[in-house]
Amino acid sequence: MRFIDEAKIYVNSGDGGKGCVSFRREKHISRGGPNGGDGGKGGDVVVIASKSHRTLLDLKFRQHHMAKRGGQGGSNNKTGRSSPDVEVVVPVGTIVKDIETGEVLADLTTDGQRCVVAGGGIGGRGNARFATSTNRAPRYAQEGEKGEERHIGLELKLLADVGIVGLPNAGKSTFISRVSAARPKIADYPFTTLTPNLGVVRYGDFDTFVIADIPGLIKGAHEGQGLGTKFLRHIERTMLLLHLIDISIDSHSSNWEDFNSINNELTLFSPLLAEKPQIVALNKIDLSVASDEVKKQINIFKKHGIKLFPVSAVTGEGVDTLIKEIVKTLQIL
């Protein structure tokens, strides 16, 4: 399934039904009076969040959502049938916006949460409603109210407790596959991950937290280089960032510079994102890297007040210690 996190749709709710002009006509009853019923309500267009959906892909191919108008009122004071609502199902974490005004209509963060984006028109009143002591036989009724129409923008932001950031090929996908049941694509070349991945990490007997693997950033991502900052919105909701650093032979000489480069991209995307607490892990210690080099990198980060956690996402070395630190930090936050 393709991962689509943005969509634009057109919604149009139903018009209200017409009121009825009718008079009571029964044998031996003269001047029975008006008995025209009201029109029915037009259908609403409702956006509903569902945890069973993971992408906005369906809405890329079905962009028009229109409800039916209400039924016309009938004689004998019969109210017209109200039309059913049209439901647009989106993943949990979707932000609903009015494209023309930019107004945020809803932030759907829980399963089953609803937002009426276009309210159906109210049905017109029948002529029975207009009878008075001076006008006992009104021969007019109301038209139903017009429904609303809007162009809606949908933006998905994944809901996760922890977001993994780092340069391409830092081992983010391997790490999330090690600690959860998620199975992202893993290969020995950069930008293997092209879409965010979610995994549920279990610790203790019953407790869990959700972790998100975000495609790799590079220097200049805010200018559109690499994958740009297209997926950084998915860690805006996270409580904590896990910053993975690659200590492999090709990259260990500039670990501190790489760390600052990624944080600079976070700042340029959103200052609030850069202020999120981070846990920093030195990955790939299973490779042919001297222990002195690991100690060297730990000391470099320590001088800047940052504790570095050496781990191997492949062998699992140090992963349990890292998970415990993540859990401890989440409980504080």
C-alpha atoms as a PDB file:
ATOM      1  CA  MET A   1       0.000   0.000   0.000  1.00  0.00           C
ATOM      2  CA  ARG A   2       1.311   3.442  -0.917  1.00  0.00           C
ATOM      3  CA  PHE A   3       1.781   5.836   1.979  1.00  0.00           C
ATOM      4  CA  ILE A   4      -0.110   9.057   1.284  1.00  0.00           C
ATOM      5  CA  ASP A   5      -0.150  11.682   4.046  1.00  0.00           C
ATOM      6  CA  GLU A   6      -1.833  14.597   2.252  1.00  0.00           C
ATOM      7  CA  ALA A   7      -5.080  14.846   0.304  1.00  0.00           C
ATOM      8  CA  LYS A   8      -7.529  17.451  -0.939  1.00  0.00           C
ATOM      9  CA  ILE A   9     -11.233  16.710  -1.252  1.00  0.00           C
ATOM     10  CA  TYR A  10     -14.410  18.552  -2.240  1.00  0.00           C
ATOM     11  CA  VAL A  11     -17.427  18.145   0.022  1.00  0.00           C
ATOM     12  CA  ASN A  12     -21.030  19.219  -0.557  1.00  0.00           C
ATOM     13  CA  SER A  13     -23.772  18.549   1.954  1.00  0.00           C
ATOM     14  CA  GLY A  14     -27.374  17.945   0.931  1.00  0.00           C
ATOM     15  CA  ASP A  15     -29.979  20.687   0.517  1.00  0.00           C
ATOM     16  CA  GLY A  16     -32.981  20.679   2.811  1.00  0.00           C
ATOM     17  CA  GLY A  17     -36.190  19.283   1.340  1.00  0.00           C
ATOM     18  CA  LYS A  18     -39.039  21.534   0.227  1.00  0.00           C
ATOM     19  CA  GLY A  19     -42.005  22.171   2.465  1.00  0.00           C
ATOM     20  CA  CYS A  20     -45.367  20.963   1.165  1.00  0.00           C
ATOM     21  CA  VAL A  21     -48.438  23.017   0.246  1.00  0.00           C
ATOM     22  CA  SER A  22     -51.468  20.846   1.032  1.00  0.00           C
ATOM     23  CA  PHE A  23     -54.995  21.136   2.459  1.00  0.00           C
ATOM     24  CA  ARG A  24     -57.063  18.638   4.341  1.00  0.00           C
ATOM     25  CA  ARG A  25     -59.674  17.143   2.002  1.00  0.00           C
ATOM     26  CA  GLU A  26     -62.114  14.728   3.614  1.00  0.00           C
ATOM     27  CA  LYS A  27     -65.772  13.961   3.025  1.00  0.00           C
ATOM     28  CA  HIS A  28     -68.151  15.993   5.169  1.00  0.00           C
ATOM     29  CA  ILE A  29     -65.240  18.176   6.411  1.00  0.00           C
ATOM     30  CA  SER A  30     -65.185  21.536   4.714  1.00  0.00           C
ATOM     31  CA  ARG A  31     -62.321  23.948   5.034  1.00  0.00           C
ATOM     32  CA  GLY A  32     -60.096  21.359   6.644  1.00  0.00           C
ATOM     33  CA  GLY A  33     -57.214  23.773   6.692  1.00  0.00           C
ATOM     34  CA  PRO A  34     -53.572  23.445   5.658  1.00  0.00           C
ATOM     35  CA  ASN A  35     -51.722  20.219   6.432  1.00  0.00           C
ATOM     36  CA  GLY A  36     -48.511  20.482   4.402  1.00  0.00           C
ATOM     37  CA  GLY A  37     -45.519  18.909   6.181  1.00  0.00           C
ATOM     38  CA  ASP A  38     -41.945  20.118   6.515  1.00  0.00           C
ATOM     39  CA  GLY A  39     -39.087  19.052   4.279  1.00  0.00           C
ATOM     40  CA  GLY A  40     -36.418  16.673   5.549  1.00  0.00           C
ATOM     41  CA  LYS A  41     -32.884  17.650   6.501  1.00  0.00           C
ATOM     42  CA  GLY A  42     -30.104  17.272   3.952  1.00  0.00           C
ATOM     43  CA  GLY A  43     -27.240  14.894   4.721  1.00  0.00           C
ATOM     44  CA  ASP A  44     -24.055  16.091   6.441  1.00  0.00           C
ATOM     45  CA  VAL A  45     -20.535  15.301   5.274  1.00  0.00           C
ATOM     46  CA  VAL A  46     -18.622  13.961   8.270  1.00  0.00           C
ATOM     47  CA  VAL A  47     -14.908  13.150   8.589  1.00  0.00           C
ATOM     48  CA  ILE A  48     -14.303  10.222  10.966  1.00  0.00           C
ATOM     49  CA  ALA A  49     -10.969   9.014  12.372  1.00  0.00           C
ATOM     50  CA  SER A  50     -10.348   5.268  12.323  1.00  0.00           C
ATOM     51  CA  LYS A  51      -7.386   3.322  13.685  1.00  0.00           C
ATOM     52  CA  SER A  52      -7.928   0.728  10.942  1.00  0.00           C
ATOM     53  CA  HIS A  53      -6.750   3.231   8.315  1.00  0.00           C
ATOM     54  CA  ARG A  54      -3.057   4.024   7.869  1.00  0.00           C
ATOM     55  CA  THR A  55      -2.987   6.256   4.804  1.00  0.00           C
ATOM     56  CA  LEU A  56      -5.028   8.821   2.859  1.00  0.00           C
ATOM     57  CA  LEU A  57      -4.539   6.844  -0.344  1.00  0.00           C
ATOM     58  CA  ASP A  58      -8.258   6.141  -0.894  1.00  0.00           C
ATOM     59  CA  LEU A  59      -9.043   9.855  -0.907  1.00  0.00           C
ATOM     60  CA  LYS A  60      -6.525  10.468  -3.702  1.00  0.00           C
ATOM     61  CA  PHE A  61      -8.822   8.540  -6.023  1.00  0.00           C
ATOM     62  CA  ARG A  62     -12.173   9.633  -4.592  1.00  0.00           C
ATOM     63  CA  GLN A  63     -12.042  13.378  -4.118  1.00  0.00           C
ATOM     64  CA  HIS A  64     -15.733  14.327  -4.354  1.00  0.00           C
ATOM     65  CA  HIS A  65     -18.062  13.582  -1.454  1.00  0.00           C
ATOM     66  CA  MET A  66     -21.652  14.774  -1.808  1.00  0.00           C
ATOM     67  CA  ALA A  67     -24.647  14.059   0.380  1.00  0.00           C
ATOM     68  CA  LYS A  68     -28.232  13.829  -0.905  1.00  0.00           C
ATOM     69  CA  ARG A  69     -30.935  16.408  -0.321  1.00  0.00           C
ATOM     70  CA  GLY A  70     -33.721  15.906   2.183  1.00  0.00           C
ATOM     71  CA  GLY A  71     -37.075  14.526   1.112  1.00  0.00           C
ATOM     72  CA  GLN A  72     -40.004  16.829   0.298  1.00  0.00           C
ATOM     73  CA  GLY A  73     -42.732  17.273   2.904  1.00  0.00           C
ATOM     74  CA  GLY A  74     -46.063  15.546   2.308  1.00  0.00           C
ATOM     75  CA  SER A  75     -49.745  15.999   3.013  1.00  0.00           C
ATOM     76  CA  ASN A  76     -51.291  15.121   6.357  1.00  0.00           C
ATOM     77  CA  ASN A  77     -48.360  16.928   8.065  1.00  0.00           C
ATOM     78  CA  LYS A  78     -45.864  14.315   6.936  1.00  0.00           C
ATOM     79  CA  THR A  79     -42.233  15.393   7.324  1.00  0.00           C
ATOM     80  CA  GLY A  80     -39.895  14.533   4.478  1.00  0.00           C
ATOM     81  CA  ARG A  81     -37.223  11.903   4.991  1.00  0.00           C
ATOM     82  CA  SER A  82     -33.851  13.171   6.227  1.00  0.00           C
ATOM     83  CA  SER A  83     -30.927  12.073   4.067  1.00  0.00           C
ATOM     84  CA  PRO A  84     -28.129   9.924   5.531  1.00  0.00           C
ATOM     85  CA  ASP A  85     -24.765  11.475   6.281  1.00  0.00           C
ATOM     86  CA  VAL A  86     -21.787  10.850   4.033  1.00  0.00           C
ATOM     87  CA  GLU A  87     -18.811   9.606   6.058  1.00  0.00           C
ATOM     88  CA  VAL A  88     -15.209  10.213   5.008  1.00  0.00           C
ATOM     89  CA  VAL A  89     -12.914   7.843   6.927  1.00  0.00           C
ATOM     90  CA  VAL A  90      -9.348   8.986   7.634  1.00  0.00           C
ATOM     91  CA  PRO A  91      -6.483   7.668   9.807  1.00  0.00           C
ATOM     92  CA  VAL A  92      -6.189   8.735  13.430  1.00  0.00           C
ATOM     93  CA  GLY A  93      -3.871  11.753  13.556  1.00  0.00           C
ATOM     94  CA  THR A  94      -5.398  13.595  10.589  1.00  0.00           C
ATOM     95  CA  ILE A  95      -5.725  17.376  10.657  1.00  0.00           C
ATOM     96  CA  VAL A  96      -8.739  18.756   8.764  1.00  0.00           C
ATOM     97  CA  LYS A  97      -8.423  22.229   7.235  1.00  0.00           C
ATOM     98  CA  ASP A  98     -10.539  24.570   5.125  1.00  0.00           C
ATOM     99  CA  ILE A  99      -8.293  25.221   2.120  1.00  0.00           C
ATOM    100  CA  GLU A 100      -9.772  28.612   1.256  1.00  0.00           C
ATOM    101  CA  THR A 101      -9.560  30.151   4.748  1.00  0.00           C
ATOM    102  CA  GLY A 102      -6.758  28.050   6.219  1.00  0.00           C
ATOM    103  CA  GLU A 103      -8.901  27.387   9.309  1.00  0.00           C
ATOM    104  CA  VAL A 104      -8.185  24.157  11.175  1.00  0.00           C
ATOM    105  CA  LEU A 105     -11.579  22.482  11.528  1.00  0.00           C
ATOM    106  CA  ALA A 106     -10.440  19.516  13.597  1.00  0.00           C
ATOM    107  CA  ASP A 107      -7.441  17.547  14.813  1.00  0.00           C
ATOM    108  CA  LEU A 108      -8.638  13.943  14.911  1.00  0.00           C
ATOM    109  CA  THR A 109      -6.422  12.237  17.473  1.00  0.00           C
ATOM    110  CA  THR A 110      -8.692   9.482  18.814  1.00  0.00           C
ATOM    111  CA  ASP A 111     -10.409   6.528  17.198  1.00  0.00           C
ATOM    112  CA  GLY A 112     -14.025   7.338  16.280  1.00  0.00           C
ATOM    113  CA  GLN A 113     -13.619  11.111  16.638  1.00  0.00           C
ATOM    114  CA  ARG A 114     -15.933  12.962  14.222  1.00  0.00           C
ATOM    115  CA  CYS A 115     -16.007  16.358  12.562  1.00  0.00           C
ATOM    116  CA  VAL A 116     -18.904  17.725  10.488  1.00  0.00           C
ATOM    117  CA  VAL A 117     -17.155  19.561   7.642  1.00  0.00           C
ATOM    118  CA  ALA A 118     -20.347  20.438   5.724  1.00  0.00           C
ATOM    119  CA  GLY A 119     -23.707  20.642   7.489  1.00  0.00           C
ATOM    120  CA  GLY A 120     -26.823  19.620   5.606  1.00  0.00           C
ATOM    121  CA  GLY A 121     -29.530  22.196   4.955  1.00  0.00           C
ATOM    122  CA  ILE A 122     -32.605  22.342   7.175  1.00  0.00           C
ATOM    123  CA  GLY A 123     -35.871  21.355   5.510  1.00  0.00           C
ATOM    124  CA  GLY A 124     -38.348  24.074   4.534  1.00  0.00           C
ATOM    125  CA  ARG A 125     -41.527  24.520   6.550  1.00  0.00           C
ATOM    126  CA  GLY A 126     -44.804  23.322   5.072  1.00  0.00           C
ATOM    127  CA  ASN A 127     -47.858  25.585   4.735  1.00  0.00           C
ATOM    128  CA  ALA A 128     -49.370  24.209   7.961  1.00  0.00           C
ATOM    129  CA  ARG A 129     -46.680  26.163   9.791  1.00  0.00           C
ATOM    130  CA  PHE A 130     -47.890  29.472   8.402  1.00  0.00           C
ATOM    131  CA  ALA A 131     -51.547  29.229   9.388  1.00  0.00           C
ATOM    132  CA  THR A 132     -52.675  32.097  11.612  1.00  0.00           C
ATOM    133  CA  SER A 133     -55.985  33.531  12.757  1.00  0.00           C
ATOM    134  CA  THR A 134     -55.874  36.028   9.920  1.00  0.00           C
ATOM    135  CA  ASN A 135     -54.419  33.714   7.289  1.00  0.00           C
ATOM    136  CA  ARG A 136     -56.111  30.358   7.656  1.00  0.00           C
ATOM    137  CA  ALA A 137     -55.283  29.021   4.207  1.00  0.00           C
ATOM    138  CA  PRO A 138     -51.656  29.894   3.342  1.00  0.00           C
ATOM    139  CA  ARG A 139     -50.773  28.713  -0.137  1.00  0.00           C
ATOM    140  CA  TYR A 140     -47.016  28.851   0.192  1.00  0.00           C
ATOM    141  CA  ALA A 141     -44.230  26.859   1.836  1.00  0.00           C
ATOM    142  CA  GLN A 142     -40.493  27.298   2.290  1.00  0.00           C
ATOM    143  CA  GLU A 143     -37.752  25.975   0.096  1.00  0.00           C
ATOM    144  CA  GLY A 144     -35.138  23.964   2.003  1.00  0.00           C
ATOM    145  CA  GLU A 145     -31.865  25.568   3.024  1.00  0.00           C
ATOM    146  CA  LYS A 146     -28.903  25.075   0.730  1.00  0.00           C
ATOM    147  CA  GLY A 147     -26.188  22.690   1.839  1.00  0.00           C
ATOM    148  CA  GLU A 148     -22.583  23.756   2.389  1.00  0.00           C
ATOM    149  CA  GLU A 149     -19.743  23.152  -0.004  1.00  0.00           C
ATOM    150  CA  ARG A 150     -16.059  23.297   0.835  1.00  0.00           C
ATOM    151  CA  HIS A 151     -12.625  22.343  -0.355  1.00  0.00           C
ATOM    152  CA  ILE A 152     -10.992  20.434   2.469  1.00  0.00           C
ATOM    153  CA  GLY A 153      -7.310  19.734   3.049  1.00  0.00           C
ATOM    154  CA  LEU A 154      -6.321  16.597   4.987  1.00  0.00           C
ATOM    155  CA  GLU A 155      -2.882  16.257   6.546  1.00  0.00           C
ATOM    156  CA  LEU A 156      -1.812  13.108   8.370  1.00  0.00           C
ATOM    157  CA  LYS A 157       0.585  13.287  11.302  1.00  0.00           C
ATOM    158  CA  LEU A 158       1.418   9.898  12.754  1.00  0.00           C
ATOM    159  CA  LEU A 159       0.821   9.438  16.480  1.00  0.00           C
ATOM    160  CA  ALA A 160       3.924   8.077  18.200  1.00  0.00           C
ATOM    161  CA  ASP A 161       5.638   8.458  21.558  1.00  0.00           C
ATOM    162  CA  VAL A 162       9.178   8.295  20.146  1.00  0.00           C
ATOM    163  CA  GLY A 163      10.491   9.460  16.771  1.00  0.00           C
ATOM    164  CA  ILE A 164      13.767   8.113  15.338  1.00  0.00           C
ATOM    165  CA  VAL A 165      15.882  10.621  13.422  1.00  0.00           C
ATOM    166  CA  GLY A 166      19.327  10.390  11.859  1.00  0.00           C
ATOM    167  CA  LEU A 167      21.258  10.408   8.627  1.00  0.00           C
ATOM    168  CA  PRO A 168      20.387   7.932   5.866  1.00  0.00           C
ATOM    169  CA  ASN A 169      21.697   4.425   6.527  1.00  0.00           C
ATOM    170  CA  ALA A 170      22.177   5.097  10.254  1.00  0.00           C
ATOM    171  CA  GLY A 171      20.294   1.905  11.053  1.00  0.00           C
ATOM    172  CA  LYS A 172      16.872   3.334  11.938  1.00  0.00           C
ATOM    173  CA  SER A 173      14.927   0.631  10.101  1.00  0.00           C
ATOM    174  CA  THR A 174      17.067  -2.121  11.589  1.00  0.00           C
ATOM    175  CA  PHE A 175      16.536  -0.697  15.064  1.00  0.00           C
ATOM    176  CA  ILE A 176      12.740  -0.494  14.772  1.00  0.00           C
ATOM    177  CA  SER A 177      12.638  -4.058  13.421  1.00  0.00           C
ATOM    178  CA  ARG A 178      14.784  -5.175  16.388  1.00  0.00           C
ATOM    179  CA  VAL A 179      12.572  -3.649  19.085  1.00  0.00           C
ATOM    180  CA  SER A 180       9.117  -4.104  17.513  1.00  0.00           C
ATOM    181  CA  ALA A 181       7.137  -6.240  15.084  1.00  0.00           C
ATOM    182  CA  ALA A 182       7.490  -3.631  12.317  1.00  0.00           C
ATOM    183  CA  ARG A 183       9.232  -4.952   9.212  1.00  0.00           C
ATOM    184  CA  PRO A 184      10.437  -2.001   7.115  1.00  0.00           C
ATOM    185  CA  LYS A 185      12.634  -2.483   4.088  1.00  0.00           C
ATOM    186  CA  ILE A 186      16.304  -2.850   5.089  1.00  0.00           C
ATOM    187  CA  ALA A 187      19.245  -2.597   2.686  1.00  0.00           C
ATOM    188  CA  ASP A 188      22.858  -1.388   2.692  1.00  0.00           C
ATOM    189  CA  TYR A 189      22.261   1.828   0.752  1.00  0.00           C
ATOM    190  CA  PRO A 190      20.958   5.276   1.745  1.00  0.00           C
ATOM    191  CA  PHE A 191      17.265   6.248   1.561  1.00  0.00           C
ATOM    192  CA  THR A 192      16.062   2.653   1.794  1.00  0.00           C
ATOM    193  CA  THR A 193      13.122   3.920   3.830  1.00  0.00           C
ATOM    194  CA  LEU A 194      10.883   6.122   1.703  1.00  0.00           C
ATOM    195  CA  THR A 195       7.897   6.313   4.058  1.00  0.00           C
ATOM    196  CA  PRO A 196       7.531   6.524   7.857  1.00  0.00           C
ATOM    197  CA  ASN A 197       7.056   3.272   9.754  1.00  0.00           C
ATOM    198  CA  LEU A 198       5.331   2.694  13.095  1.00  0.00           C
ATOM    199  CA  GLY A 199       6.218   0.011  15.599  1.00  0.00           C
ATOM    200  CA  VAL A 200       4.890  -0.928  19.034  1.00  0.00           C
ATOM    201  CA  VAL A 201       7.605  -1.623  21.615  1.00  0.00           C
ATOM    202  CA  ARG A 202       6.646  -3.818  24.561  1.00  0.00           C
ATOM    203  CA  TYR A 203       8.392  -3.560  27.917  1.00  0.00           C
ATOM    204  CA  GLY A 204       7.554  -5.009  31.301  1.00  0.00           C
ATOM    205  CA  ASP A 205       4.564  -7.337  31.365  1.00  0.00           C
ATOM    206  CA  PHE A 206       1.890  -5.268  29.639  1.00  0.00           C
ATOM    207  CA  ASP A 207       3.209  -1.755  28.909  1.00  0.00           C
ATOM    208  CA  THR A 208       3.989  -0.457  25.435  1.00  0.00           C
ATOM    209  CA  PHE A 209       5.045   2.666  23.590  1.00  0.00           C
ATOM    210  CA  VAL A 210       4.859   3.571  19.903  1.00  0.00           C
ATOM    211  CA  ILE A 211       7.993   4.390  17.948  1.00  0.00           C
ATOM    212  CA  ALA A 212       8.183   5.998  14.483  1.00  0.00           C
ATOM    213  CA  ASP A 213      10.993   5.522  11.972  1.00  0.00           C
ATOM    214  CA  ILE A 214      11.349   8.698   9.897  1.00  0.00           C
ATOM    215  CA  PRO A 215      13.192   8.584   6.518  1.00  0.00           C
ATOM    216  CA  GLY A 216      16.757   9.879   6.720  1.00  0.00           C
ATOM    217  CA  LEU A 217      17.614  13.542   6.703  1.00  0.00           C
ATOM    218  CA  ILE A 218      20.686  15.132   5.151  1.00  0.00           C
ATOM    219  CA  LYS A 219      22.253  18.568   5.299  1.00  0.00           C
ATOM    220  CA  GLY A 220      20.136  20.938   3.214  1.00  0.00           C
ATOM    221  CA  ALA A 221      16.958  18.909   3.654  1.00  0.00           C
ATOM    222  CA  HIS A 222      15.016  22.095   4.467  1.00  0.00           C
ATOM    223  CA  GLU A 223      15.910  23.283   0.943  1.00  0.00           C
ATOM    224  CA  GLY A 224      14.512  20.097  -0.593  1.00  0.00           C
ATOM    225  CA  GLN A 225      17.695  18.031  -0.820  1.00  0.00           C
ATOM    226  CA  GLY A 226      17.353  14.275  -0.343  1.00  0.00           C
ATOM    227  CA  LEU A 227      13.810  13.578   0.831  1.00  0.00           C
ATOM    228  CA  GLY A 228      13.565  17.119   2.160  1.00  0.00           C
ATOM    229  CA  THR A 229      11.548  17.660   5.311  1.00  0.00           C
ATOM    230  CA  LYS A 230       8.445  16.035   3.843  1.00  0.00           C
ATOM    231  CA  PHE A 231       8.044  13.520   6.664  1.00  0.00           C
ATOM    232  CA  LEU A 232       9.182  15.591   9.650  1.00  0.00           C
ATOM    233  CA  ARG A 233       5.562  16.499  10.425  1.00  0.00           C
ATOM    234  CA  HIS A 234       5.168  12.925  11.632  1.00  0.00           C
ATOM    235  CA  ILE A 235       7.396  13.511  14.654  1.00  0.00           C
ATOM    236  CA  GLU A 236       5.836  16.841  15.653  1.00  0.00           C
ATOM    237  CA  ARG A 237       3.465  14.987  17.985  1.00  0.00           C
ATOM    238  CA  THR A 238       6.133  12.787  19.582  1.00  0.00           C
ATOM    239  CA  MET A 239       7.222  13.290  23.174  1.00  0.00           C
ATOM    240  CA  LEU A 240      10.815  12.193  22.621  1.00  0.00           C
ATOM    241  CA  LEU A 241      13.356  11.918  19.804  1.00  0.00           C
ATOM    242  CA  LEU A 242      15.817   9.046  19.450  1.00  0.00           C
ATOM    243  CA  HIS A 243      18.817  10.306  17.484  1.00  0.00           C
ATOM    244  CA  LEU A 244      20.773   7.437  15.877  1.00  0.00           C
ATOM    245  CA  ILE A 245      24.393   8.046  14.865  1.00  0.00           C
ATOM    246  CA  ASP A 246      26.420   5.739  12.610  1.00  0.00           C
ATOM    247  CA  ILE A 247      29.875   4.871  13.986  1.00  0.00           C
ATOM    248  CA  SER A 248      30.917   2.841  10.946  1.00  0.00           C
ATOM    249  CA  ILE A 249      34.389   3.401   9.514  1.00  0.00           C
ATOM    250  CA  ASP A 250      33.175   5.782   6.813  1.00  0.00           C
ATOM    251  CA  SER A 251      31.448   8.158   9.187  1.00  0.00           C
ATOM    252  CA  HIS A 252      32.900   8.036  12.718  1.00  0.00           C
ATOM    253  CA  SER A 253      35.318  10.925  12.103  1.00  0.00           C
ATOM    254  CA  SER A 254      32.435  13.444  11.904  1.00  0.00           C
ATOM    255  CA  ASN A 255      29.826  12.087  14.296  1.00  0.00           C
ATOM    256  CA  TRP A 256      29.543  15.338  16.218  1.00  0.00           C
ATOM    257  CA  GLU A 257      29.200  17.352  12.993  1.00  0.00           C
ATOM    258  CA  ASP A 258      26.541  14.951  11.706  1.00  0.00           C
ATOM    259  CA  PHE A 259      24.638  15.243  14.985  1.00  0.00           C
ATOM    260  CA  ASN A 260      24.617  19.038  14.764  1.00  0.00           C
ATOM    261  CA  SER A 261      23.691  18.949  11.086  1.00  0.00           C
ATOM    262  CA  ILE A 262      20.525  16.932  11.767  1.00  0.00           C
ATOM    263  CA  ASN A 263      19.554  19.142  14.701  1.00  0.00           C
ATOM    264  CA  ASN A 264      20.029  22.205  12.510  1.00  0.00           C
ATOM    265  CA  GLU A 265      17.577  20.751   9.977  1.00  0.00           C
ATOM    266  CA  LEU A 266      15.081  20.133  12.780  1.00  0.00           C
ATOM    267  CA  THR A 267      15.429  23.745  13.906  1.00  0.00           C
ATOM    268  CA  LEU A 268      14.938  25.089  10.389  1.00  0.00           C
ATOM    269  CA  PHE A 269      11.809  22.960  10.000  1.00  0.00           C
ATOM    270  CA  SER A 270      10.304  23.871  13.377  1.00  0.00           C
ATOM    271  CA  PRO A 271      11.987  25.462  16.422  1.00  0.00           C
ATOM    272  CA  LEU A 272       9.539  23.558  18.635  1.00  0.00           C
ATOM    273  CA  LEU A 273      10.693  20.280  17.099  1.00  0.00           C
ATOM    274  CA  ALA A 274      14.315  21.096  17.902  1.00  0.00           C
ATOM    275  CA  GLU A 275      13.402  21.707  21.543  1.00  0.00           C
ATOM    276  CA  LYS A 276      12.072  18.188  22.055  1.00  0.00           C
ATOM    277  CA  PRO A 277      14.162  16.045  24.433  1.00  0.00           C
ATOM    278  CA  GLN A 278      16.565  13.695  22.682  1.00  0.00           C
ATOM    279  CA  ILE A 279      18.288  10.438  23.529  1.00  0.00           C
ATOM    280  CA  VAL A 280      21.397   9.881  21.418  1.00  0.00           C
ATOM    281  CA  ALA A 281      22.598   6.405  20.473  1.00  0.00           C
ATOM    282  CA  LEU A 282      25.819   5.363  18.725  1.00  0.00           C
ATOM    283  CA  ASN A 283      24.783   2.551  16.392  1.00  0.00           C
ATOM    284  CA  LYS A 284      26.684  -0.210  14.536  1.00  0.00           C
ATOM    285  CA  ILE A 285      29.228  -0.953  17.281  1.00  0.00           C
ATOM    286  CA  ASP A 286      29.150  -4.558  16.035  1.00  0.00           C
ATOM    287  CA  LEU A 287      31.258  -3.552  13.023  1.00  0.00           C
ATOM    288  CA  SER A 288      35.058  -3.656  13.028  1.00  0.00           C
ATOM    289  CA  VAL A 289      35.395  -0.500  15.113  1.00  0.00           C
ATOM    290  CA  ALA A 290      38.010  -0.285  17.836  1.00  0.00           C
ATOM    291  CA  SER A 291      36.683   0.091  21.363  1.00  0.00           C
ATOM    292  CA  ASP A 292      38.942   3.124  21.715  1.00  0.00           C
ATOM    293  CA  GLU A 293      36.977   4.831  18.935  1.00  0.00           C
ATOM    294  CA  VAL A 294      33.688   4.174  20.764  1.00  0.00           C
ATOM    295  CA  LYS A 295      35.155   5.660  23.949  1.00  0.00           C
ATOM    296  CA  LYS A 296      36.453   8.613  21.973  1.00  0.00           C
ATOM    297  CA  GLN A 297      33.022   9.411  20.568  1.00  0.00           C
ATOM    298  CA  ILE A 298      31.402   8.974  23.979  1.00  0.00           C
ATOM    299  CA  ASN A 299      33.878  11.462  25.462  1.00  0.00           C
ATOM    300  CA  ILE A 300      33.311  13.985  22.663  1.00  0.00           C
ATOM    301  CA  PHE A 301      29.569  14.028  23.322  1.00  0.00           C
ATOM    302  CA  LYS A 302      30.102  13.961  27.090  1.00  0.00           C
ATOM    303  CA  LYS A 303      32.079  17.222  26.861  1.00  0.00           C
ATOM    304  CA  HIS A 304      28.941  18.807  25.400  1.00  0.00           C
ATOM    305  CA  GLY A 305      26.732  17.401  28.174  1.00  0.00           C
ATOM    306  CA  ILE A 306      25.226  14.589  26.078  1.00  0.00           C
ATOM    307  CA  LYS A 307      25.157  10.978  27.193  1.00  0.00           C
ATOM    308  CA  LEU A 308      25.834   8.605  24.312  1.00  0.00           C
ATOM    309  CA  PHE A 309      24.389   5.073  24.316  1.00  0.00           C
ATOM    310  CA  PRO A 310      26.470   2.577  22.264  1.00  0.00           C
ATOM    311  CA  VAL A 311      24.222  -0.028  20.620  1.00  0.00           C
ATOM    312  CA  SER A 312      24.071  -2.548  17.827  1.00  0.00           C
ATOM    313  CA  ALA A 313      20.668  -2.836  16.196  1.00  0.00           C
ATOM    314  CA  VAL A 314      21.865  -5.982  14.407  1.00  0.00           C
ATOM    315  CA  THR A 315      23.121  -8.005  17.394  1.00  0.00           C
ATOM    316  CA  GLY A 316      20.981  -6.325  20.050  1.00  0.00           C
ATOM    317  CA  GLU A 317      23.964  -5.240  22.138  1.00  0.00           C
ATOM    318  CA  GLY A 318      23.049  -2.264  24.331  1.00  0.00           C
ATOM    319  CA  VAL A 319      19.460  -2.170  23.041  1.00  0.00           C
ATOM    320  CA  ASP A 320      17.871  -3.195  26.356  1.00  0.00           C
ATOM    321  CA  THR A 321      19.745  -0.426  28.171  1.00  0.00           C
ATOM    322  CA  LEU A 322      18.593   2.074  25.556  1.00  0.00           C
ATOM    323  CA  ILE A 323      14.950   0.951  25.826  1.00  0.00           C
ATOM    324  CA  LYS A 324      15.094   1.319  29.615  1.00  0.00           C
ATOM    325  CA  GLU A 325      16.376   4.888  29.206  1.00  0.00           C
ATOM    326  CA  ILE A 326      13.581   5.664  26.728  1.00  0.00           C
ATOM    327  CA  VAL A 327      10.948   4.283  29.103  1.00  0.00           C
ATOM    328  CA  LYS A 328      12.432   6.199  32.036  1.00  0.00           C
ATOM    329  CA  THR A 329      12.382   9.470  30.057  1.00  0.00           C
ATOM    330  CA  LEU A 330       8.812   8.922  28.787  1.00  0.00           C
ATOM    331  CA  GLN A 331       7.591   8.348  32.335  1.00  0.00           C
ATOM    332  CA  ILE A 332       9.139  11.665  33.387  1.00  0.00           C
ATOM    333  CA  LEU A 333       7.637  13.503  30.429  1.00  0.00           C
END
